[in-house]
Each structure stands twice: as C-alpha cells, then as structure tokens.
PDB file of all heavy atoms in Angstrom:
ATOM      1  N   LEU A   1      37.138 139.231 -23.333  1.00  0.00           N
ATOM      2  CA  LEU A   1      38.110 139.897 -24.065  1.00  0.00           C
ATOM      3  C   LEU A   1      39.175 140.417 -23.314  1.00  0.00           C
ATOM      4  O   LEU A   1      39.123 141.530 -22.612  1.00  0.00           O
ATOM      5  CB  LEU A   1      37.447 141.023 -25.014  1.00  0.00           C
ATOM      6  CG  LEU A   1      38.319 141.911 -25.833  1.00  0.00           C
ATOM      7  CD1 LEU A   1      39.285 141.019 -26.786  1.00  0.00           C
ATOM      8  CD2 LEU A   1      37.631 142.889 -26.759  1.00  0.00           C
ATOM      9  N   GLY A   2      40.357 139.725 -23.381  1.00  0.00           N
ATOM     10  CA  GLY A   2      41.526 140.183 -22.499  1.00  0.00           C
ATOM     11  C   GLY A   2      42.572 140.592 -23.456  1.00  0.00           C
ATOM     12  O   GLY A   2      42.736 140.192 -24.599  1.00  0.00           O
ATOM     13  N   VAL A   3      43.541 141.593 -22.940  1.00  0.00           N
ATOM     14  CA  VAL A   3      44.517 142.256 -23.751  1.00  0.00           C
ATOM     15  C   VAL A   3      45.810 142.232 -22.973  1.00  0.00           C
ATOM     16  O   VAL A   3      45.847 142.304 -21.723  1.00  0.00           O
ATOM     17  CB  VAL A   3      44.062 143.667 -23.938  1.00  0.00           C
ATOM     18  CG1 VAL A   3      45.191 144.416 -24.783  1.00  0.00           C
ATOM     19  CG2 VAL A   3      42.695 143.834 -24.668  1.00  0.00           C
ATOM     20  N   MET A   4      46.919 141.998 -23.710  1.00  0.00           N
ATOM     21  CA  MET A   4      48.261 142.145 -23.016  1.00  0.00           C
ATOM     22  C   MET A   4      49.092 142.948 -24.050  1.00  0.00           C
ATOM     23  O   MET A   4      49.162 142.747 -25.259  1.00  0.00           O
ATOM     24  CB  MET A   4      48.867 140.716 -22.886  1.00  0.00           C
ATOM     25  CG  MET A   4      50.243 140.823 -22.232  1.00  0.00           C
ATOM     26  SD  MET A   4      50.456 141.808 -20.656  1.00  0.00           S
ATOM     27  CE  MET A   4      49.539 140.695 -19.564  1.00  0.00           C
ATOM     28  N   SER A   5      49.957 144.019 -23.427  1.00  0.00           N
ATOM     29  CA  SER A   5      50.746 144.902 -24.349  1.00  0.00           C
ATOM     30  C   SER A   5      51.919 145.297 -23.487  1.00  0.00           C
ATOM     31  O   SER A   5      51.773 145.483 -22.253  1.00  0.00           O
ATOM     32  CB  SER A   5      49.904 146.001 -24.845  1.00  0.00           C
ATOM     33  OG  SER A   5      50.718 146.958 -25.376  1.00  0.00           O
ATOM     34  N   VAL A   6      53.074 145.639 -24.124  1.00  0.00           N
ATOM     35  CA  VAL A   6      54.093 146.241 -23.311  1.00  0.00           C
ATOM     36  C   VAL A   6      53.756 147.613 -22.883  1.00  0.00           C
ATOM     37  O   VAL A   6      54.291 148.151 -21.843  1.00  0.00           O
ATOM     38  CB  VAL A   6      55.379 146.301 -24.272  1.00  0.00           C
ATOM     39  CG1 VAL A   6      55.286 147.455 -25.335  1.00  0.00           C
ATOM     40  CG2 VAL A   6      56.625 146.663 -23.517  1.00  0.00           C
ATOM     41  N   GLY A   7      52.569 148.221 -23.522  1.00  0.00           N
ATOM     42  CA  GLY A   7      52.208 149.513 -23.099  1.00  0.00           C
ATOM     43  C   GLY A   7      51.723 149.532 -21.536  1.00  0.00           C
ATOM     44  O   GLY A   7      51.763 150.546 -20.841  1.00  0.00           O
ATOM     45  N   PHE A   8      51.286 148.269 -21.130  1.00  0.00           N
ATOM     46  CA  PHE A   8      50.915 148.244 -19.692  1.00  0.00           C
ATOM     47  C   PHE A   8      52.091 148.157 -18.727  1.00  0.00           C
ATOM     48  O   PHE A   8      51.968 148.159 -17.499  1.00  0.00           O
ATOM     49  CB  PHE A   8      50.067 146.905 -19.488  1.00  0.00           C
ATOM     50  CG  PHE A   8      48.785 146.845 -20.280  1.00  0.00           C
ATOM     51  CD1 PHE A   8      48.377 145.669 -20.861  1.00  0.00           C
ATOM     52  CD2 PHE A   8      47.971 147.998 -20.511  1.00  0.00           C
ATOM     53  CE1 PHE A   8      47.094 145.690 -21.584  1.00  0.00           C
ATOM     54  CE2 PHE A   8      46.875 148.016 -21.244  1.00  0.00           C
ATOM     55  CZ  PHE A   8      46.507 146.768 -21.796  1.00  0.00           C
ATOM     56  N   LEU A   9      53.279 148.012 -19.247  1.00  0.00           N
ATOM     57  CA  LEU A   9      54.486 147.937 -18.403  1.00  0.00           C
ATOM     58  C   LEU A   9      55.265 149.229 -18.277  1.00  0.00           C
ATOM     59  O   LEU A   9      56.239 149.390 -17.702  1.00  0.00           O
ATOM     60  CB  LEU A   9      55.420 146.793 -18.941  1.00  0.00           C
ATOM     61  CG  LEU A   9      54.784 145.340 -19.132  1.00  0.00           C
ATOM     62  CD1 LEU A   9      55.661 144.437 -19.816  1.00  0.00           C
ATOM     63  CD2 LEU A   9      54.244 144.803 -17.822  1.00  0.00           C
ATOM     64  N   LEU A  10      54.738 150.249 -19.029  1.00  0.00           N
ATOM     65  CA  LEU A  10      55.473 151.510 -19.102  1.00  0.00           C
ATOM     66  C   LEU A  10      54.882 152.452 -18.113  1.00  0.00           C
ATOM     67  O   LEU A  10      53.714 152.442 -17.926  1.00  0.00           O
ATOM     68  CB  LEU A  10      55.317 152.118 -20.501  1.00  0.00           C
ATOM     69  CG  LEU A  10      55.847 151.353 -21.693  1.00  0.00           C
ATOM     70  CD1 LEU A  10      55.608 151.938 -23.011  1.00  0.00           C
ATOM     71  CD2 LEU A  10      57.390 151.039 -21.551  1.00  0.00           C
ATOM     72  N   SER A  11      55.682 153.351 -17.546  1.00  0.00           N
ATOM     73  CA  SER A  11      55.162 154.250 -16.445  1.00  0.00           C
ATOM     74  C   SER A  11      54.426 155.406 -17.076  1.00  0.00           C
ATOM     75  O   SER A  11      53.603 156.054 -16.458  1.00  0.00           O
ATOM     76  CB  SER A  11      56.423 154.800 -15.623  1.00  0.00           C
ATOM     77  OG  SER A  11      57.309 155.401 -16.488  1.00  0.00           O
ATOM     78  N   SER A  12      54.729 155.752 -18.503  1.00  0.00           N
ATOM     79  CA  SER A  12      53.999 156.760 -19.131  1.00  0.00           C
ATOM     80  C   SER A  12      53.722 156.269 -20.494  1.00  0.00           C
ATOM     81  O   SER A  12      54.682 155.647 -21.149  1.00  0.00           O
ATOM     82  CB  SER A  12      54.796 157.969 -19.107  1.00  0.00           C
ATOM     83  OG  SER A  12      54.406 158.871 -20.050  1.00  0.00           O
ATOM     84  N   PRO A  13      52.626 156.615 -21.262  1.00  0.00           N
ATOM     85  CA  PRO A  13      52.386 156.254 -22.667  1.00  0.00           C
ATOM     86  C   PRO A  13      53.582 156.916 -23.534  1.00  0.00           C
ATOM     87  O   PRO A  13      53.769 156.468 -24.636  1.00  0.00           O
ATOM     88  CB  PRO A  13      51.068 156.896 -22.960  1.00  0.00           C
ATOM     89  CG  PRO A  13      50.398 157.131 -21.673  1.00  0.00           C
ATOM     90  CD  PRO A  13      51.493 157.366 -20.666  1.00  0.00           C
ATOM     91  N   ASP A  14      54.251 157.947 -23.039  1.00  0.00           N
ATOM     92  CA  ASP A  14      55.240 158.676 -23.913  1.00  0.00           C
ATOM     93  C   ASP A  14      56.535 158.096 -23.814  1.00  0.00           C
ATOM     94  O   ASP A  14      57.525 158.476 -24.343  1.00  0.00           O
ATOM     95  CB  ASP A  14      55.265 160.173 -23.512  1.00  0.00           C
ATOM     96  CG  ASP A  14      53.891 160.922 -23.785  1.00  0.00           C
ATOM     97  OD1 ASP A  14      53.143 160.461 -24.703  1.00  0.00           O
ATOM     98  OD2 ASP A  14      53.624 161.829 -23.127  1.00  0.00           O
ATOM     99  N   ASP A  15      56.764 157.046 -22.815  1.00  0.00           N
ATOM    100  CA  ASP A  15      58.079 156.432 -22.670  1.00  0.00           C
ATOM    101  C   ASP A  15      58.421 155.758 -23.910  1.00  0.00           C
ATOM    102  O   ASP A  15      57.699 154.989 -24.489  1.00  0.00           O
ATOM    103  CB  ASP A  15      57.971 155.376 -21.500  1.00  0.00           C
ATOM    104  CG  ASP A  15      58.019 156.042 -20.105  1.00  0.00           C
ATOM    105  OD1 ASP A  15      58.251 157.314 -20.127  1.00  0.00           O
ATOM    106  OD2 ASP A  15      58.090 155.307 -19.118  1.00  0.00           O
ATOM    107  N   ALA A  16      59.773 155.879 -24.248  1.00  0.00           N
ATOM    108  CA  ALA A  16      60.318 155.201 -25.451  1.00  0.00           C
ATOM    109  C   ALA A  16      60.886 153.851 -24.971  1.00  0.00           C
ATOM    110  O   ALA A  16      61.666 153.767 -24.007  1.00  0.00           O
ATOM    111  CB  ALA A  16      61.372 156.017 -26.017  1.00  0.00           C
ATOM    112  N   VAL A  17      60.539 152.768 -25.822  1.00  0.00           N
ATOM    113  CA  VAL A  17      61.202 151.539 -25.434  1.00  0.00           C
ATOM    114  C   VAL A  17      62.401 151.411 -26.385  1.00  0.00           C
ATOM    115  O   VAL A  17      62.302 151.189 -27.607  1.00  0.00           O
ATOM    116  CB  VAL A  17      60.245 150.350 -25.826  1.00  0.00           C
ATOM    117  CG1 VAL A  17      60.879 149.048 -25.544  1.00  0.00           C
ATOM    118  CG2 VAL A  17      58.962 150.548 -24.860  1.00  0.00           C
ATOM    119  N   ILE A  18      63.618 151.477 -25.761  1.00  0.00           N
ATOM    120  CA  ILE A  18      64.930 151.487 -26.589  1.00  0.00           C
ATOM    121  C   ILE A  18      65.644 150.201 -26.314  1.00  0.00           C
ATOM    122  O   ILE A  18      66.540 150.110 -25.484  1.00  0.00           O
ATOM    123  CB  ILE A  18      65.753 152.747 -26.277  1.00  0.00           C
ATOM    124  CG1 ILE A  18      64.911 154.078 -26.410  1.00  0.00           C
ATOM    125  CG2 ILE A  18      66.960 152.819 -27.127  1.00  0.00           C
ATOM    126  CD1 ILE A  18      65.540 155.264 -25.800  1.00  0.00           C
ATOM    127  N   TRP A  19      65.223 149.126 -26.989  1.00  0.00           N
ATOM    128  CA  TRP A  19      65.750 147.835 -26.882  1.00  0.00           C
ATOM    129  C   TRP A  19      66.375 147.174 -28.018  1.00  0.00           C
ATOM    130  O   TRP A  19      65.816 147.355 -29.088  1.00  0.00           O
ATOM    131  CB  TRP A  19      64.532 146.911 -26.309  1.00  0.00           C
ATOM    132  CG  TRP A  19      63.998 147.210 -24.941  1.00  0.00           C
ATOM    133  CD1 TRP A  19      64.406 148.127 -24.016  1.00  0.00           C
ATOM    134  CD2 TRP A  19      62.869 146.455 -24.373  1.00  0.00           C
ATOM    135  NE1 TRP A  19      63.640 148.011 -23.022  1.00  0.00           N
ATOM    136  CE2 TRP A  19      62.682 147.091 -23.132  1.00  0.00           C
ATOM    137  CE3 TRP A  19      61.993 145.417 -24.694  1.00  0.00           C
ATOM    138  CZ2 TRP A  19      61.659 146.684 -22.254  1.00  0.00           C
ATOM    139  CZ3 TRP A  19      61.033 145.073 -24.001  1.00  0.00           C
ATOM    140  CH2 TRP A  19      60.919 145.641 -22.646  1.00  0.00           C
ATOM    141  N   ARG A  20      67.283 146.393 -27.808  1.00  0.00           N
ATOM    142  CA  ARG A  20      67.874 145.603 -28.930  1.00  0.00           C
ATOM    143  C   ARG A  20      67.033 144.296 -29.101  1.00  0.00           C
ATOM    144  O   ARG A  20      66.212 144.004 -28.222  1.00  0.00           O
ATOM    145  CB  ARG A  20      69.368 145.209 -28.636  1.00  0.00           C
ATOM    146  CG  ARG A  20      70.155 146.425 -28.643  1.00  0.00           C
ATOM    147  CD  ARG A  20      71.675 145.988 -28.681  1.00  0.00           C
ATOM    148  NE  ARG A  20      72.647 147.013 -28.586  1.00  0.00           N
ATOM    149  CZ  ARG A  20      73.078 147.817 -29.485  1.00  0.00           C
ATOM    150  NH1 ARG A  20      72.706 147.366 -30.716  1.00  0.00           N
ATOM    151  NH2 ARG A  20      73.904 148.769 -29.383  1.00  0.00           N
ATOM    152  N   GLY A  21      67.342 143.560 -30.230  1.00  0.00           N
ATOM    153  CA  GLY A  21      66.439 142.451 -30.471  1.00  0.00           C
ATOM    154  C   GLY A  21      66.297 141.366 -29.438  1.00  0.00           C
ATOM    155  O   GLY A  21      65.253 140.967 -29.142  1.00  0.00           O
ATOM    156  N   PRO A  22      67.385 140.918 -28.777  1.00  0.00           N
ATOM    157  CA  PRO A  22      67.260 139.913 -27.776  1.00  0.00           C
ATOM    158  C   PRO A  22      66.366 140.218 -26.660  1.00  0.00           C
ATOM    159  O   PRO A  22      65.578 139.355 -26.167  1.00  0.00           O
ATOM    160  CB  PRO A  22      68.695 139.675 -27.210  1.00  0.00           C
ATOM    161  CG  PRO A  22      69.597 140.153 -28.414  1.00  0.00           C
ATOM    162  CD  PRO A  22      68.820 141.233 -29.021  1.00  0.00           C
ATOM    163  N   LYS A  23      66.324 141.512 -26.269  1.00  0.00           N
ATOM    164  CA  LYS A  23      65.405 141.850 -25.192  1.00  0.00           C
ATOM    165  C   LYS A  23      63.950 141.911 -25.670  1.00  0.00           C
ATOM    166  O   LYS A  23      62.969 141.494 -24.908  1.00  0.00           O
ATOM    167  CB  LYS A  23      65.738 143.277 -24.626  1.00  0.00           C
ATOM    168  CG  LYS A  23      65.055 143.577 -23.161  1.00  0.00           C
ATOM    169  CD  LYS A  23      65.670 144.784 -22.506  1.00  0.00           C
ATOM    170  CE  LYS A  23      64.987 144.885 -21.152  1.00  0.00           C
ATOM    171  NZ  LYS A  23      65.437 146.213 -20.581  1.00  0.00           N
ATOM    172  N   LYS A  24      63.701 142.244 -26.863  1.00  0.00           N
ATOM    173  CA  LYS A  24      62.286 142.205 -27.450  1.00  0.00           C
ATOM    174  C   LYS A  24      61.946 140.826 -27.443  1.00  0.00           C
ATOM    175  O   LYS A  24      60.742 140.480 -27.152  1.00  0.00           O
ATOM    176  CB  LYS A  24      62.258 142.888 -28.754  1.00  0.00           C
ATOM    177  CG  LYS A  24      62.476 144.217 -28.982  1.00  0.00           C
ATOM    178  CD  LYS A  24      62.527 144.704 -30.381  1.00  0.00           C
ATOM    179  CE  LYS A  24      62.818 146.182 -30.757  1.00  0.00           C
ATOM    180  NZ  LYS A  24      62.745 146.475 -32.109  1.00  0.00           N
ATOM    181  N   ASN A  25      62.747 139.922 -28.078  1.00  0.00           N
ATOM    182  CA  ASN A  25      62.424 138.556 -28.165  1.00  0.00           C
ATOM    183  C   ASN A  25      62.053 137.831 -26.739  1.00  0.00           C
ATOM    184  O   ASN A  25      61.252 137.111 -26.630  1.00  0.00           O
ATOM    185  CB  ASN A  25      63.594 137.719 -28.814  1.00  0.00           C
ATOM    186  CG  ASN A  25      63.873 138.211 -30.156  1.00  0.00           C
ATOM    187  OD1 ASN A  25      63.095 138.927 -30.693  1.00  0.00           O
ATOM    188  ND2 ASN A  25      65.032 137.858 -30.692  1.00  0.00           N
ATOM    189  N   GLY A  26      62.846 138.355 -25.796  1.00  0.00           N
ATOM    190  CA  GLY A  26      62.727 137.836 -24.448  1.00  0.00           C
ATOM    191  C   GLY A  26      61.213 138.173 -23.941  1.00  0.00           C
ATOM    192  O   GLY A  26      60.592 137.315 -23.340  1.00  0.00           O
ATOM    193  N   LEU A  27      60.764 139.356 -24.178  1.00  0.00           N
ATOM    194  CA  LEU A  27      59.514 139.788 -23.739  1.00  0.00           C
ATOM    195  C   LEU A  27      58.451 138.977 -24.481  1.00  0.00           C
ATOM    196  O   LEU A  27      57.372 138.643 -23.855  1.00  0.00           O
ATOM    197  CB  LEU A  27      59.332 141.403 -23.857  1.00  0.00           C
ATOM    198  CG  LEU A  27      58.072 141.888 -23.492  1.00  0.00           C
ATOM    199  CD1 LEU A  27      57.914 141.681 -21.933  1.00  0.00           C
ATOM    200  CD2 LEU A  27      57.794 143.406 -23.727  1.00  0.00           C
ATOM    201  N   ILE A  28      58.519 138.955 -25.828  1.00  0.00           N
ATOM    202  CA  ILE A  28      57.613 138.056 -26.538  1.00  0.00           C
ATOM    203  C   ILE A  28      57.442 136.707 -26.007  1.00  0.00           C
ATOM    204  O   ILE A  28      56.321 136.256 -25.797  1.00  0.00           O
ATOM    205  CB  ILE A  28      57.970 138.013 -27.952  1.00  0.00           C
ATOM    206  CG1 ILE A  28      57.789 139.497 -28.641  1.00  0.00           C
ATOM    207  CG2 ILE A  28      57.016 137.202 -28.805  1.00  0.00           C
ATOM    208  CD1 ILE A  28      58.348 139.669 -30.022  1.00  0.00           C
ATOM    209  N   LYS A  29      58.457 136.108 -25.724  1.00  0.00           N
ATOM    210  CA  LYS A  29      58.543 134.715 -25.070  1.00  0.00           C
ATOM    211  C   LYS A  29      57.758 134.731 -23.755  1.00  0.00           C
ATOM    212  O   LYS A  29      57.015 133.904 -23.383  1.00  0.00           O
ATOM    213  CB  LYS A  29      60.009 134.151 -24.952  1.00  0.00           C
ATOM    214  CG  LYS A  29      59.982 132.712 -24.637  1.00  0.00           C
ATOM    215  CD  LYS A  29      61.398 132.239 -24.096  1.00  0.00           C
ATOM    216  CE  LYS A  29      62.364 132.480 -25.305  1.00  0.00           C
ATOM    217  NZ  LYS A  29      63.760 132.072 -24.854  1.00  0.00           N
ATOM    218  N   GLN A  30      58.011 135.868 -22.921  1.00  0.00           N
ATOM    219  CA  GLN A  30      57.421 135.882 -21.688  1.00  0.00           C
ATOM    220  C   GLN A  30      55.962 136.139 -21.770  1.00  0.00           C
ATOM    221  O   GLN A  30      55.176 135.572 -20.986  1.00  0.00           O
ATOM    222  CB  GLN A  30      58.096 137.190 -20.958  1.00  0.00           C
ATOM    223  CG  GLN A  30      57.992 137.023 -19.383  1.00  0.00           C
ATOM    224  CD  GLN A  30      58.773 138.199 -18.765  1.00  0.00           C
ATOM    225  OE1 GLN A  30      59.579 138.925 -19.459  1.00  0.00           O
ATOM    226  NE2 GLN A  30      58.649 138.355 -17.471  1.00  0.00           N
ATOM    227  N   PHE A  31      55.615 136.903 -22.833  1.00  0.00           N
ATOM    228  CA  PHE A  31      54.017 137.119 -22.955  1.00  0.00           C
ATOM    229  C   PHE A  31      53.352 135.727 -23.308  1.00  0.00           C
ATOM    230  O   PHE A  31      52.301 135.504 -22.777  1.00  0.00           O
ATOM    231  CB  PHE A  31      53.890 138.093 -24.142  1.00  0.00           C
ATOM    232  CG  PHE A  31      53.930 139.468 -23.906  1.00  0.00           C
ATOM    233  CD1 PHE A  31      54.257 140.495 -24.772  1.00  0.00           C
ATOM    234  CD2 PHE A  31      53.743 139.977 -22.599  1.00  0.00           C
ATOM    235  CE1 PHE A  31      54.259 141.910 -24.510  1.00  0.00           C
ATOM    236  CE2 PHE A  31      53.800 141.362 -22.227  1.00  0.00           C
ATOM    237  CZ  PHE A  31      54.034 142.260 -23.139  1.00  0.00           C
ATOM    238  N   LEU A  32      54.047 134.922 -24.106  1.00  0.00           N
ATOM    239  CA  LEU A  32      53.478 133.650 -24.468  1.00  0.00           C
ATOM    240  C   LEU A  32      53.504 132.595 -23.336  1.00  0.00           C
ATOM    241  O   LEU A  32      52.580 131.790 -23.056  1.00  0.00           O
ATOM    242  CB  LEU A  32      54.191 133.149 -25.676  1.00  0.00           C
ATOM    243  CG  LEU A  32      53.923 133.786 -26.941  1.00  0.00           C
ATOM    244  CD1 LEU A  32      54.865 133.218 -28.081  1.00  0.00           C
ATOM    245  CD2 LEU A  32      52.510 133.804 -27.384  1.00  0.00           C
ATOM    246  N   ARG A  33      54.559 132.689 -22.450  1.00  0.00           N
ATOM    247  CA  ARG A  33      54.850 131.666 -21.450  1.00  0.00           C
ATOM    248  C   ARG A  33      54.187 132.093 -20.155  1.00  0.00           C
ATOM    249  O   ARG A  33      53.736 131.175 -19.402  1.00  0.00           O
ATOM    250  CB  ARG A  33      56.296 131.515 -21.283  1.00  0.00           C
ATOM    251  CG  ARG A  33      56.724 130.417 -20.396  1.00  0.00           C
ATOM    252  CD  ARG A  33      58.328 130.576 -20.164  1.00  0.00           C
ATOM    253  NE  ARG A  33      58.520 131.725 -19.485  1.00  0.00           N
ATOM    254  CZ  ARG A  33      59.699 132.348 -19.467  1.00  0.00           C
ATOM    255  NH1 ARG A  33      60.783 131.991 -20.324  1.00  0.00           N
ATOM    256  NH2 ARG A  33      59.897 133.613 -18.804  1.00  0.00           N
ATOM    257  N   ASP A  34      54.130 133.364 -19.891  1.00  0.00           N
ATOM    258  CA  ASP A  34      53.731 133.790 -18.456  1.00  0.00           C
ATOM    259  C   ASP A  34      52.354 134.413 -18.319  1.00  0.00           C
ATOM    260  O   ASP A  34      51.823 134.583 -17.195  1.00  0.00           O
ATOM    261  CB  ASP A  34      54.804 134.721 -17.943  1.00  0.00           C
ATOM    262  CG  ASP A  34      56.139 134.105 -17.682  1.00  0.00           C
ATOM    263  OD1 ASP A  34      56.247 132.879 -17.761  1.00  0.00           O
ATOM    264  OD2 ASP A  34      57.118 134.948 -17.539  1.00  0.00           O
ATOM    265  N   VAL A  35      51.703 134.715 -19.518  1.00  0.00           N
ATOM    266  CA  VAL A  35      50.365 135.367 -19.357  1.00  0.00           C
ATOM    267  C   VAL A  35      49.310 134.087 -19.198  1.00  0.00           C
ATOM    268  O   VAL A  35      49.299 133.222 -19.967  1.00  0.00           O
ATOM    269  CB  VAL A  35      49.937 136.241 -20.531  1.00  0.00           C
ATOM    270  CG1 VAL A  35      48.691 136.711 -20.544  1.00  0.00           C
ATOM    271  CG2 VAL A  35      51.033 137.326 -20.663  1.00  0.00           C
ATOM    272  N   ASP A  36      48.425 134.318 -18.221  1.00  0.00           N
ATOM    273  CA  ASP A  36      47.509 133.285 -17.959  1.00  0.00           C
ATOM    274  C   ASP A  36      46.156 133.698 -18.764  1.00  0.00           C
ATOM    275  O   ASP A  36      45.259 134.319 -18.128  1.00  0.00           O
ATOM    276  CB  ASP A  36      47.164 133.292 -16.383  1.00  0.00           C
ATOM    277  CG  ASP A  36      46.134 132.184 -16.026  1.00  0.00           C
ATOM    278  OD1 ASP A  36      45.928 131.291 -16.838  1.00  0.00           O
ATOM    279  OD2 ASP A  36      45.558 132.467 -14.944  1.00  0.00           O
ATOM    280  N   TRP A  37      46.123 133.231 -19.967  1.00  0.00           N
ATOM    281  CA  TRP A  37      44.936 133.526 -20.855  1.00  0.00           C
ATOM    282  C   TRP A  37      43.813 132.660 -20.406  1.00  0.00           C
ATOM    283  O   TRP A  37      42.693 133.061 -20.710  1.00  0.00           O
ATOM    284  CB  TRP A  37      45.334 133.322 -22.227  1.00  0.00           C
ATOM    285  CG  TRP A  37      46.348 134.143 -22.993  1.00  0.00           C
ATOM    286  CD1 TRP A  37      47.621 133.747 -23.276  1.00  0.00           C
ATOM    287  CD2 TRP A  37      46.169 135.612 -23.205  1.00  0.00           C
ATOM    288  NE1 TRP A  37      48.287 134.938 -23.781  1.00  0.00           N
ATOM    289  CE2 TRP A  37      47.560 136.058 -23.735  1.00  0.00           C
ATOM    290  CE3 TRP A  37      45.362 136.645 -22.952  1.00  0.00           C
ATOM    291  CZ2 TRP A  37      47.782 137.349 -24.143  1.00  0.00           C
ATOM    292  CZ3 TRP A  37      45.583 137.892 -23.425  1.00  0.00           C
ATOM    293  CH2 TRP A  37      46.772 138.223 -23.872  1.00  0.00           C
ATOM    294  N   GLY A  38      43.990 131.559 -19.963  1.00  0.00           N
ATOM    295  CA  GLY A  38      42.939 130.611 -19.639  1.00  0.00           C
ATOM    296  C   GLY A  38      42.490 129.981 -20.886  1.00  0.00           C
ATOM    297  O   GLY A  38      43.263 129.905 -21.873  1.00  0.00           O
TER     298      GLY A  38
END
C-alpha cells in the first residue's frame, strides 16, 4: 500500500498551498507521470 500526496512536499502540515489552476494541474500531471508506482 503506497501513498502520494502534496502533503509530503510541504515543510509543515500547517503550510497553505496558495496556487492558481495551472500550477495545480502541473502537479497532478507530475504525480501521474513521475511517481514510480510499479
């Protein structure tokens, strides 16, 4: 059971992610393209 989340990329759980749409979309694409799920 493997997990991926933007929460792992934040320095603190209380950090706010203040992003516009294109940056969110870019991260979703990166999760699908760059995560080695096997």
